[in-house]
Each structure stands twice: as structure tokens, then as C-alpha cells.
PDB file of N, CA and C in Angstrom:
ATOM      1  N   UNK A   1       0.826  -1.186   0.001  1.00  0.00           N
ATOM      2  CA  UNK A   1      -0.001   0.000   0.001  1.00  0.00           C
ATOM      3  C   UNK A   1       0.864   1.252   0.000  1.00  0.00           C
ATOM      4  N   UNK A   2       1.847   1.265   0.889  1.00  0.00           N
ATOM      5  CA  UNK A   2       2.690   2.451   0.957  1.00  0.00           C
ATOM      6  C   UNK A   2       3.431   2.675  -0.354  1.00  0.00           C
ATOM      7  N   UNK A   3       3.914   1.607  -0.955  1.00  0.00           N
ATOM      8  CA  UNK A   3       4.649   1.722  -2.217  1.00  0.00           C
ATOM      9  C   UNK A   3       3.714   2.200  -3.326  1.00  0.00           C
ATOM     10  N   UNK A   4       2.512   1.681  -3.367  1.00  0.00           N
ATOM     11  CA  UNK A   4       1.551   2.092  -4.395  1.00  0.00           C
ATOM     12  C   UNK A   4       1.179   3.557  -4.249  1.00  0.00           C
ATOM     13  N   UNK A   5       1.176   4.059  -3.020  1.00  0.00           N
ATOM     14  CA  UNK A   5       0.785   5.443  -2.754  1.00  0.00           C
ATOM     15  C   UNK A   5       1.978   6.401  -2.705  1.00  0.00           C
ATOM     16  N   UNK A   6       3.173   5.858  -2.907  1.00  0.00           N
ATOM     17  CA  UNK A   6       4.382   6.688  -2.831  1.00  0.00           C
ATOM     18  C   UNK A   6       4.325   7.819  -3.854  1.00  0.00           C
ATOM     19  N   UNK A   7       4.683   9.018  -3.404  1.00  0.00           N
ATOM     20  CA  UNK A   7       4.705  10.238  -4.227  1.00  0.00           C
ATOM     21  C   UNK A   7       3.327  10.601  -4.791  1.00  0.00           C
ATOM     22  N   UNK A   8       2.294  10.196  -4.076  1.00  0.00           N
ATOM     23  CA  UNK A   8       0.923  10.543  -4.422  1.00  0.00           C
ATOM     24  C   UNK A   8       0.370  11.402  -3.291  1.00  0.00           C
ATOM     25  N   UNK A   9      -0.687  12.146  -3.552  1.00  0.00           N
ATOM     26  CA  UNK A   9      -1.265  12.989  -2.499  1.00  0.00           C
ATOM     27  C   UNK A   9      -2.111  12.182  -1.517  1.00  0.00           C
ATOM     28  N   UNK A  10      -1.495  11.142  -0.964  1.00  0.00           N
ATOM     29  CA  UNK A  10      -2.162  10.261   0.001  1.00  0.00           C
ATOM     30  C   UNK A  10      -1.315  10.248   1.255  1.00  0.00           C
ATOM     31  N   UNK A  11      -1.879  10.698   2.353  1.00  0.00           N
ATOM     32  CA  UNK A  11      -1.143  10.733   3.605  1.00  0.00           C
ATOM     33  C   UNK A  11      -1.152   9.385   4.321  1.00  0.00           C
ATOM     34  N   UNK A  12      -0.259   9.255   5.265  1.00  0.00           N
ATOM     35  CA  UNK A  12      -0.197   8.030   6.058  1.00  0.00           C
ATOM     36  C   UNK A  12      -1.508   7.797   6.809  1.00  0.00           C
ATOM     37  N   UNK A  13      -2.163   8.881   7.208  1.00  0.00           N
ATOM     38  CA  UNK A  13      -3.444   8.751   7.902  1.00  0.00           C
ATOM     39  C   UNK A  13      -4.486   8.127   6.976  1.00  0.00           C
ATOM     40  N   UNK A  14      -4.443   8.522   5.686  1.00  0.00           N
ATOM     41  CA  UNK A  14      -5.373   7.947   4.704  1.00  0.00           C
ATOM     42  C   UNK A  14      -5.125   6.455   4.529  1.00  0.00           C
ATOM     43  N   UNK A  15      -3.837   6.092   4.457  1.00  0.00           N
ATOM     44  CA  UNK A  15      -3.479   4.678   4.315  1.00  0.00           C
ATOM     45  C   UNK A  15      -3.924   3.896   5.551  1.00  0.00           C
ATOM     46  N   UNK A  16      -3.671   4.467   6.726  1.00  0.00           N
ATOM     47  CA  UNK A  16      -4.080   3.802   7.974  1.00  0.00           C
ATOM     48  C   UNK A  16      -5.590   3.593   8.020  1.00  0.00           C
ATOM     49  N   UNK A  17      -6.344   4.589   7.620  1.00  0.00           N
ATOM     50  CA  UNK A  17      -7.814   4.490   7.598  1.00  0.00           C
ATOM     51  C   UNK A  17      -8.248   3.396   6.611  1.00  0.00           C
ATOM     52  N   UNK A  18      -7.598   3.370   5.462  1.00  0.00           N
ATOM     53  CA  UNK A  18      -7.896   2.362   4.444  1.00  0.00           C
ATOM     54  C   UNK A  18      -7.635   0.958   4.999  1.00  0.00           C
ATOM     55  N   UNK A  19      -6.494   0.777   5.637  1.00  0.00           N
ATOM     56  CA  UNK A  19      -6.136  -0.525   6.214  1.00  0.00           C
ATOM     57  C   UNK A  19      -7.115  -0.902   7.317  1.00  0.00           C
ATOM     58  N   UNK A  20      -7.508   0.070   8.128  1.00  0.00           N
ATOM     59  CA  UNK A  20      -8.488  -0.192   9.185  1.00  0.00           C
ATOM     60  C   UNK A  20      -9.805  -0.705   8.592  1.00  0.00           C
ATOM     61  N   UNK A  21     -10.238  -0.109   7.496  1.00  0.00           N
ATOM     62  CA  UNK A  21     -11.481  -0.540   6.857  1.00  0.00           C
ATOM     63  C   UNK A  21     -11.367  -1.978   6.357  1.00  0.00           C
ATOM     64  N   UNK A  22     -10.222  -2.309   5.780  1.00  0.00           N
ATOM     65  CA  UNK A  22     -10.010  -3.683   5.316  1.00  0.00           C
ATOM     66  C   UNK A  22      -9.978  -4.642   6.515  1.00  0.00           C
ATOM     67  N   UNK A  23      -9.332  -4.232   7.606  1.00  0.00           N
ATOM     68  CA  UNK A  23      -9.288  -5.067   8.805  1.00  0.00           C
ATOM     69  C   UNK A  23     -10.690  -5.302   9.362  1.00  0.00           C
ATOM     70  N   UNK A  24     -11.516  -4.273   9.368  1.00  0.00           N
ATOM     71  CA  UNK A  24     -12.900  -4.443   9.846  1.00  0.00           C
ATOM     72  C   UNK A  24     -13.660  -5.415   8.949  1.00  0.00           C
ATOM     73  N   UNK A  25     -13.414  -5.316   7.676  1.00  0.00           N
ATOM     74  CA  UNK A  25     -14.053  -6.238   6.747  1.00  0.00           C
ATOM     75  C   UNK A  25     -13.624  -7.676   7.038  1.00  0.00           C
ATOM     76  N   UNK A  26     -12.343  -7.848   7.331  1.00  0.00           N
ATOM     77  CA  UNK A  26     -11.824  -9.169   7.704  1.00  0.00           C
ATOM     78  C   UNK A  26     -12.509  -9.688   8.964  1.00  0.00           C
ATOM     79  N   UNK A  27     -12.633  -8.825   9.960  1.00  0.00           N
ATOM     80  CA  UNK A  27     -13.265  -9.219  11.217  1.00  0.00           C
ATOM     81  C   UNK A  27     -14.735  -9.576  11.008  1.00  0.00           C
ATOM     82  N   UNK A  28     -15.387  -8.880  10.092  1.00  0.00           N
ATOM     83  CA  UNK A  28     -16.798  -9.127   9.823  1.00  0.00           C
ATOM     84  C   UNK A  28     -17.041 -10.502   9.206  1.00  0.00           C
ATOM     85  N   UNK A  29     -16.013 -11.084   8.590  1.00  0.00           N
ATOM     86  CA  UNK A  29     -16.189 -12.412   7.997  1.00  0.00           C
ATOM     87  C   UNK A  29     -16.349 -13.470   9.070  1.00  0.00           C
ATOM     88  N   UNK A  30     -15.778 -13.211  10.255  1.00  0.00           N
ATOM     89  CA  UNK A  30     -15.914 -14.148  11.355  1.00  0.00           C
ATOM     90  C   UNK A  30     -15.057 -15.392  11.248  1.00  0.00           C
ATOM     91  N   UNK A  31     -14.416 -15.580  10.126  1.00  0.00           N
ATOM     92  CA  UNK A  31     -13.566 -16.761   9.951  1.00  0.00           C
ATOM     93  C   UNK A  31     -12.170 -16.532  10.487  1.00  0.00           C
ATOM     94  N   UNK A  32     -11.474 -17.630  10.705  1.00  0.00           N
ATOM     95  CA  UNK A  32     -10.104 -17.527  11.196  1.00  0.00           C
ATOM     96  C   UNK A  32      -9.123 -17.361  10.050  1.00  0.00           C
ATOM     97  N   UNK A  33      -9.494 -17.832   8.874  1.00  0.00           N
ATOM     98  CA  UNK A  33      -8.606 -17.744   7.724  1.00  0.00           C
ATOM     99  C   UNK A  33      -9.365 -17.185   6.535  1.00  0.00           C
ATOM    100  N   UNK A  34      -8.593 -16.503   5.686  1.00  0.00           N
ATOM    101  CA  UNK A  34      -9.154 -15.931   4.471  1.00  0.00           C
ATOM    102  C   UNK A  34      -8.080 -16.055   3.401  1.00  0.00           C
ATOM    103  N   UNK A  35      -8.442 -16.495   2.216  1.00  0.00           N
ATOM    104  CA  UNK A  35      -7.432 -16.587   1.168  1.00  0.00           C
ATOM    105  C   UNK A  35      -6.851 -15.202   0.850  1.00  0.00           C
ATOM    106  N   UNK A  36      -5.568 -15.152   0.610  1.00  0.00           N
ATOM    107  CA  UNK A  36      -4.940 -13.869   0.284  1.00  0.00           C
ATOM    108  C   UNK A  36      -5.529 -13.280  -0.985  1.00  0.00           C
ATOM    109  N   UNK A  37      -6.020 -14.145  -1.862  1.00  0.00           N
ATOM    110  CA  UNK A  37      -6.632 -13.637  -3.089  1.00  0.00           C
ATOM    111  C   UNK A  37      -7.865 -12.800  -2.773  1.00  0.00           C
ATOM    112  N   UNK A  38      -8.625 -13.194  -1.751  1.00  0.00           N
ATOM    113  CA  UNK A  38      -9.806 -12.420  -1.355  1.00  0.00           C
ATOM    114  C   UNK A  38      -9.393 -11.065  -0.798  1.00  0.00           C
ATOM    115  N   UNK A  39      -8.373 -11.057   0.022  1.00  0.00           N
ATOM    116  CA  UNK A  39      -7.861  -9.812   0.577  1.00  0.00           C
ATOM    117  C   UNK A  39      -7.403  -8.886  -0.547  1.00  0.00           C
ATOM    118  N   UNK A  40      -6.672  -9.441  -1.502  1.00  0.00           N
ATOM    119  CA  UNK A  40      -6.204  -8.641  -2.640  1.00  0.00           C
ATOM    120  C   UNK A  40      -7.358  -8.057  -3.434  1.00  0.00           C
ATOM    121  N   UNK A  41      -8.417  -8.834  -3.610  1.00  0.00           N
ATOM    122  CA  UNK A  41      -9.581  -8.338  -4.346  1.00  0.00           C
ATOM    123  C   UNK A  41     -10.267  -7.195  -3.590  1.00  0.00           C
ATOM    124  N   UNK A  42     -10.351  -7.320  -2.263  1.00  0.00           N
ATOM    125  CA  UNK A  42     -10.940  -6.233  -1.476  1.00  0.00           C
ATOM    126  C   UNK A  42     -10.124  -4.960  -1.634  1.00  0.00           C
ATOM    127  N   UNK A  43      -8.817  -5.087  -1.624  1.00  0.00           N
ATOM    128  CA  UNK A  43      -7.954  -3.919  -1.815  1.00  0.00           C
ATOM    129  C   UNK A  43      -8.193  -3.338  -3.199  1.00  0.00           C
ATOM    130  N   UNK A  44      -8.259  -4.194  -4.211  1.00  0.00           N
ATOM    131  CA  UNK A  44      -8.477  -3.726  -5.584  1.00  0.00           C
ATOM    132  C   UNK A  44      -9.827  -3.017  -5.728  1.00  0.00           C
ATOM    133  N   UNK A  45     -10.835  -3.485  -5.009  1.00  0.00           N
ATOM    134  CA  UNK A  45     -12.154  -2.855  -5.072  1.00  0.00           C
ATOM    135  C   UNK A  45     -12.155  -1.473  -4.428  1.00  0.00           C
ATOM    136  N   UNK A  46     -11.458  -1.339  -3.312  1.00  0.00           N
ATOM    137  CA  UNK A  46     -11.529  -0.106  -2.531  1.00  0.00           C
ATOM    138  C   UNK A  46     -10.472   0.931  -2.911  1.00  0.00           C
ATOM    139  N   UNK A  47      -9.376   0.499  -3.464  1.00  0.00           N
ATOM    140  CA  UNK A  47      -8.248   1.403  -3.703  1.00  0.00           C
ATOM    141  C   UNK A  47      -8.550   2.562  -4.654  1.00  0.00           C
ATOM    142  N   UNK A  48      -9.357   2.387  -5.697  1.00  0.00           N
ATOM    143  CA  UNK A  48      -9.633   3.542  -6.568  1.00  0.00           C
ATOM    144  C   UNK A  48     -10.231   4.738  -5.831  1.00  0.00           C
ATOM    145  N   UNK A  49     -10.959   4.469  -4.740  1.00  0.00           N
ATOM    146  CA  UNK A  49     -11.533   5.579  -3.975  1.00  0.00           C
ATOM    147  C   UNK A  49     -10.449   6.370  -3.241  1.00  0.00           C
ATOM    148  N   UNK A  50      -9.363   5.690  -2.908  1.00  0.00           N
ATOM    149  CA  UNK A  50      -8.249   6.348  -2.214  1.00  0.00           C
ATOM    150  C   UNK A  50      -7.403   7.127  -3.211  1.00  0.00           C
ATOM    151  N   UNK A  51      -6.983   6.456  -4.294  1.00  0.00           N
ATOM    152  CA  UNK A  51      -6.167   7.115  -5.308  1.00  0.00           C
ATOM    153  C   UNK A  51      -6.121   6.216  -6.550  1.00  0.00           C
ATOM    154  N   UNK A  52      -6.519   6.747  -7.687  1.00  0.00           N
ATOM    155  CA  UNK A  52      -6.590   5.961  -8.902  1.00  0.00           C
ATOM    156  C   UNK A  52      -5.213   5.523  -9.402  1.00  0.00           C
ATOM    157  N   UNK A  53      -4.207   6.367  -9.263  1.00  0.00           N
ATOM    158  CA  UNK A  53      -2.854   5.999  -9.692  1.00  0.00           C
ATOM    159  C   UNK A  53      -2.309   4.898  -8.785  1.00  0.00           C
ATOM    160  N   UNK A  54      -2.581   4.983  -7.498  1.00  0.00           N
ATOM    161  CA  UNK A  54      -2.163   3.937  -6.569  1.00  0.00           C
ATOM    162  C   UNK A  54      -2.832   2.616  -6.956  1.00  0.00           C
ATOM    163  N   UNK A  55      -4.081   2.692  -7.393  1.00  0.00           N
ATOM    164  CA  UNK A  55      -4.786   1.490  -7.859  1.00  0.00           C
ATOM    165  C   UNK A  55      -4.035   0.848  -9.025  1.00  0.00           C
ATOM    166  N   UNK A  56      -3.657   1.650 -10.007  1.00  0.00           N
ATOM    167  CA  UNK A  56      -2.956   1.127 -11.176  1.00  0.00           C
ATOM    168  C   UNK A  56      -1.624   0.523 -10.772  1.00  0.00           C
ATOM    169  N   UNK A  57      -0.907   1.192  -9.876  1.00  0.00           N
ATOM    170  CA  UNK A  57       0.368   0.665  -9.401  1.00  0.00           C
ATOM    171  C   UNK A  57       0.181  -0.670  -8.683  1.00  0.00           C
ATOM    172  N   UNK A  58      -0.801  -0.718  -7.777  1.00  0.00           N
ATOM    173  CA  UNK A  58      -1.064  -1.945  -7.035  1.00  0.00           C
ATOM    174  C   UNK A  58      -1.479  -3.056  -7.987  1.00  0.00           C
ATOM    175  N   UNK A  59      -2.359  -2.742  -8.918  1.00  0.00           N
ATOM    176  CA  UNK A  59      -2.851  -3.735  -9.871  1.00  0.00           C
ATOM    177  C   UNK A  59      -1.712  -4.309 -10.701  1.00  0.00           C
ATOM    178  N   UNK A  60      -0.770  -3.473 -11.079  1.00  0.00           N
ATOM    179  CA  UNK A  60       0.324  -3.955 -11.923  1.00  0.00           C
ATOM    180  C   UNK A  60       1.163  -5.007 -11.208  1.00  0.00           C
ATOM    181  N   UNK A  61       1.291  -4.895  -9.901  1.00  0.00           N
ATOM    182  CA  UNK A  61       2.037  -5.885  -9.127  1.00  0.00           C
ATOM    183  C   UNK A  61       1.126  -7.056  -8.749  1.00  0.00           C
ATOM    184  N   UNK A  62      -0.053  -6.759  -8.267  1.00  0.00           N
ATOM    185  CA  UNK A  62      -0.975  -7.795  -7.800  1.00  0.00           C
ATOM    186  C   UNK A  62      -1.395  -8.741  -8.923  1.00  0.00           C
ATOM    187  N   UNK A  63      -1.725  -8.193 -10.070  1.00  0.00           N
ATOM    188  CA  UNK A  63      -2.201  -9.009 -11.192  1.00  0.00           C
ATOM    189  C   UNK A  63      -1.059  -9.692 -11.939  1.00  0.00           C
ATOM    190  N   UNK A  64       0.168  -9.258 -11.707  1.00  0.00           N
ATOM    191  CA  UNK A  64       1.350  -9.838 -12.345  1.00  0.00           C
ATOM    192  C   UNK A  64       1.176  -9.952 -13.862  1.00  0.00           C
ATOM    193  N   UNK A  65       0.943  -8.817 -14.491  1.00  0.00           N
ATOM    194  CA  UNK A  65       0.728  -8.783 -15.932  1.00  0.00           C
ATOM    195  C   UNK A  65       1.923  -9.380 -16.670  1.00  0.00           C
ATOM    196  N   UNK A  66       1.627 -10.170 -17.683  1.00  0.00           N
ATOM    197  CA  UNK A  66       2.674 -10.802 -18.471  1.00  0.00           C
ATOM    198  C   UNK A  66       3.157  -9.894 -19.597  1.00  0.00           C
ATOM    199  N   UNK A  67       2.295  -8.983 -20.013  1.00  0.00           N
ATOM    200  CA  UNK A  67       2.685  -8.069 -21.087  1.00  0.00           C
ATOM    201  C   UNK A  67       1.834  -6.805 -21.019  1.00  0.00           C
ATOM    202  N   UNK A  68       2.142  -5.888 -21.902  1.00  0.00           N
ATOM    203  CA  UNK A  68       1.457  -4.594 -21.920  1.00  0.00           C
ATOM    204  C   UNK A  68      -0.026  -4.757 -22.244  1.00  0.00           C
ATOM    205  N   UNK A  69      -0.360  -5.727 -23.076  1.00  0.00           N
ATOM    206  CA  UNK A  69      -1.770  -5.926 -23.441  1.00  0.00           C
ATOM    207  C   UNK A  69      -2.629  -6.283 -22.235  1.00  0.00           C
ATOM    208  N   UNK A  70      -2.106  -7.123 -21.355  1.00  0.00           N
ATOM    209  CA  UNK A  70      -2.855  -7.456 -20.133  1.00  0.00           C
ATOM    210  C   UNK A  70      -3.037  -6.218 -19.272  1.00  0.00           C
ATOM    211  N   UNK A  71      -1.993  -5.408 -19.191  1.00  0.00           N
ATOM    212  CA  UNK A  71      -2.058  -4.161 -18.418  1.00  0.00           C
ATOM    213  C   UNK A  71      -3.105  -3.227 -19.020  1.00  0.00           C
ATOM    214  N   UNK A  72      -3.111  -3.104 -20.339  1.00  0.00           N
ATOM    215  CA  UNK A  72      -4.078  -2.233 -21.006  1.00  0.00           C
ATOM    216  C   UNK A  72      -5.505  -2.749 -20.816  1.00  0.00           C
ATOM    217  N   UNK A  73      -5.677  -4.065 -20.830  1.00  0.00           N
ATOM    218  CA  UNK A  73      -7.006  -4.635 -20.584  1.00  0.00           C
ATOM    219  C   UNK A  73      -7.517  -4.253 -19.200  1.00  0.00           C
ATOM    220  N   UNK A  74      -6.640  -4.299 -18.203  1.00  0.00           N
ATOM    221  CA  UNK A  74      -7.021  -3.918 -16.837  1.00  0.00           C
ATOM    222  C   UNK A  74      -7.397  -2.436 -16.798  1.00  0.00           C
ATOM    223  N   UNK A  75      -6.611  -1.607 -17.466  1.00  0.00           N
ATOM    224  CA  UNK A  75      -6.928  -0.175 -17.500  1.00  0.00           C
ATOM    225  C   UNK A  75      -8.278   0.085 -18.181  1.00  0.00           C
ATOM    226  N   UNK A  76      -8.525  -0.601 -19.268  1.00  0.00           N
ATOM    227  CA  UNK A  76      -9.810  -0.437 -19.977  1.00  0.00           C
ATOM    228  C   UNK A  76     -10.973  -0.853 -19.071  1.00  0.00           C
ATOM    229  N   UNK A  77     -10.782  -1.965 -18.374  1.00  0.00           N
ATOM    230  CA  UNK A  77     -11.809  -2.432 -17.442  1.00  0.00           C
ATOM    231  C   UNK A  77     -12.054  -1.403 -16.344  1.00  0.00           C
ATOM    232  N   UNK A  78     -10.968  -0.879 -15.802  1.00  0.00           N
ATOM    233  CA  UNK A  78     -11.063   0.134 -14.737  1.00  0.00           C
ATOM    234  C   UNK A  78     -11.768   1.378 -15.250  1.00  0.00           C
ATOM    235  N   UNK A  79     -11.362   1.855 -16.426  1.00  0.00           N
ATOM    236  CA  UNK A  79     -11.974   3.063 -16.989  1.00  0.00           C
ATOM    237  C   UNK A  79     -13.441   2.843 -17.334  1.00  0.00           C
ATOM    238  N   UNK A  80     -13.788   1.634 -17.737  1.00  0.00           N
ATOM    239  CA  UNK A  80     -15.178   1.314 -18.019  1.00  0.00           C
ATOM    240  C   UNK A  80     -16.046   1.395 -16.781  1.00  0.00           C
ATOM    241  N   UNK A  81     -15.486   1.020 -15.630  1.00  0.00           N
ATOM    242  CA  UNK A  81     -16.218   1.102 -14.355  1.00  0.00           C
ATOM    243  C   UNK A  81     -16.432   2.539 -13.937  1.00  0.00           C
ATOM    244  N   UNK A  82     -15.517   3.424 -14.330  1.00  0.00           N
ATOM    245  CA  UNK A  82     -15.583   4.819 -13.908  1.00  0.00           C
ATOM    246  C   UNK A  82     -16.659   5.599 -14.655  1.00  0.00           C
ATOM    247  N   UNK A  83     -17.030   5.118 -15.836  1.00  0.00           N
ATOM    248  CA  UNK A  83     -18.019   5.837 -16.652  1.00  0.00           C
ATOM    249  C   UNK A  83     -19.421   5.451 -16.337  1.00  0.00           C
TER     250      UNK A  83
END
């Protein structure tokens, strides 16, 4: 999260609040374990509200794009959601 938000207008307080929200979501599941893929998806869902560039940065690492076309497909999908 910190790396994705680096050099963006996102303060540490914003990141802490974001992490707290994800932690509350985890607690609400009531389970002892959660697949990391689910956690990553929750971050991907919520991150655009924090910072769109941070979302793209996080997505590029999280999705492990194999080439530019996969990256562009993710961007198109993201932009389609915004409209």
C-alpha cells in the first residue's frame, strides 16, 4: 500500500484508515482464515476511492501482468467502471 501510494497525494493517515477498513471487513467475515486472493480483491475494489494511480500501481504488481496488453485490458476495465 505504501509503495503504491508513494509520491501521491495520499497521507499516512489515509493509508491507515484504508487498512483499518479492510481489517474491519476481515473481522466481519468471522472466519479464522481468508485466502490472500480475497484480501487482494478487497484492496483492488476499494483502492480507486483512495487514489486511482495507486490502484494502477497496485494492480500492476498484484495481477502480475505478463505483457502490456494485459495491463491495457485492466486499465480499460477500470476506466469502463468509472463511466
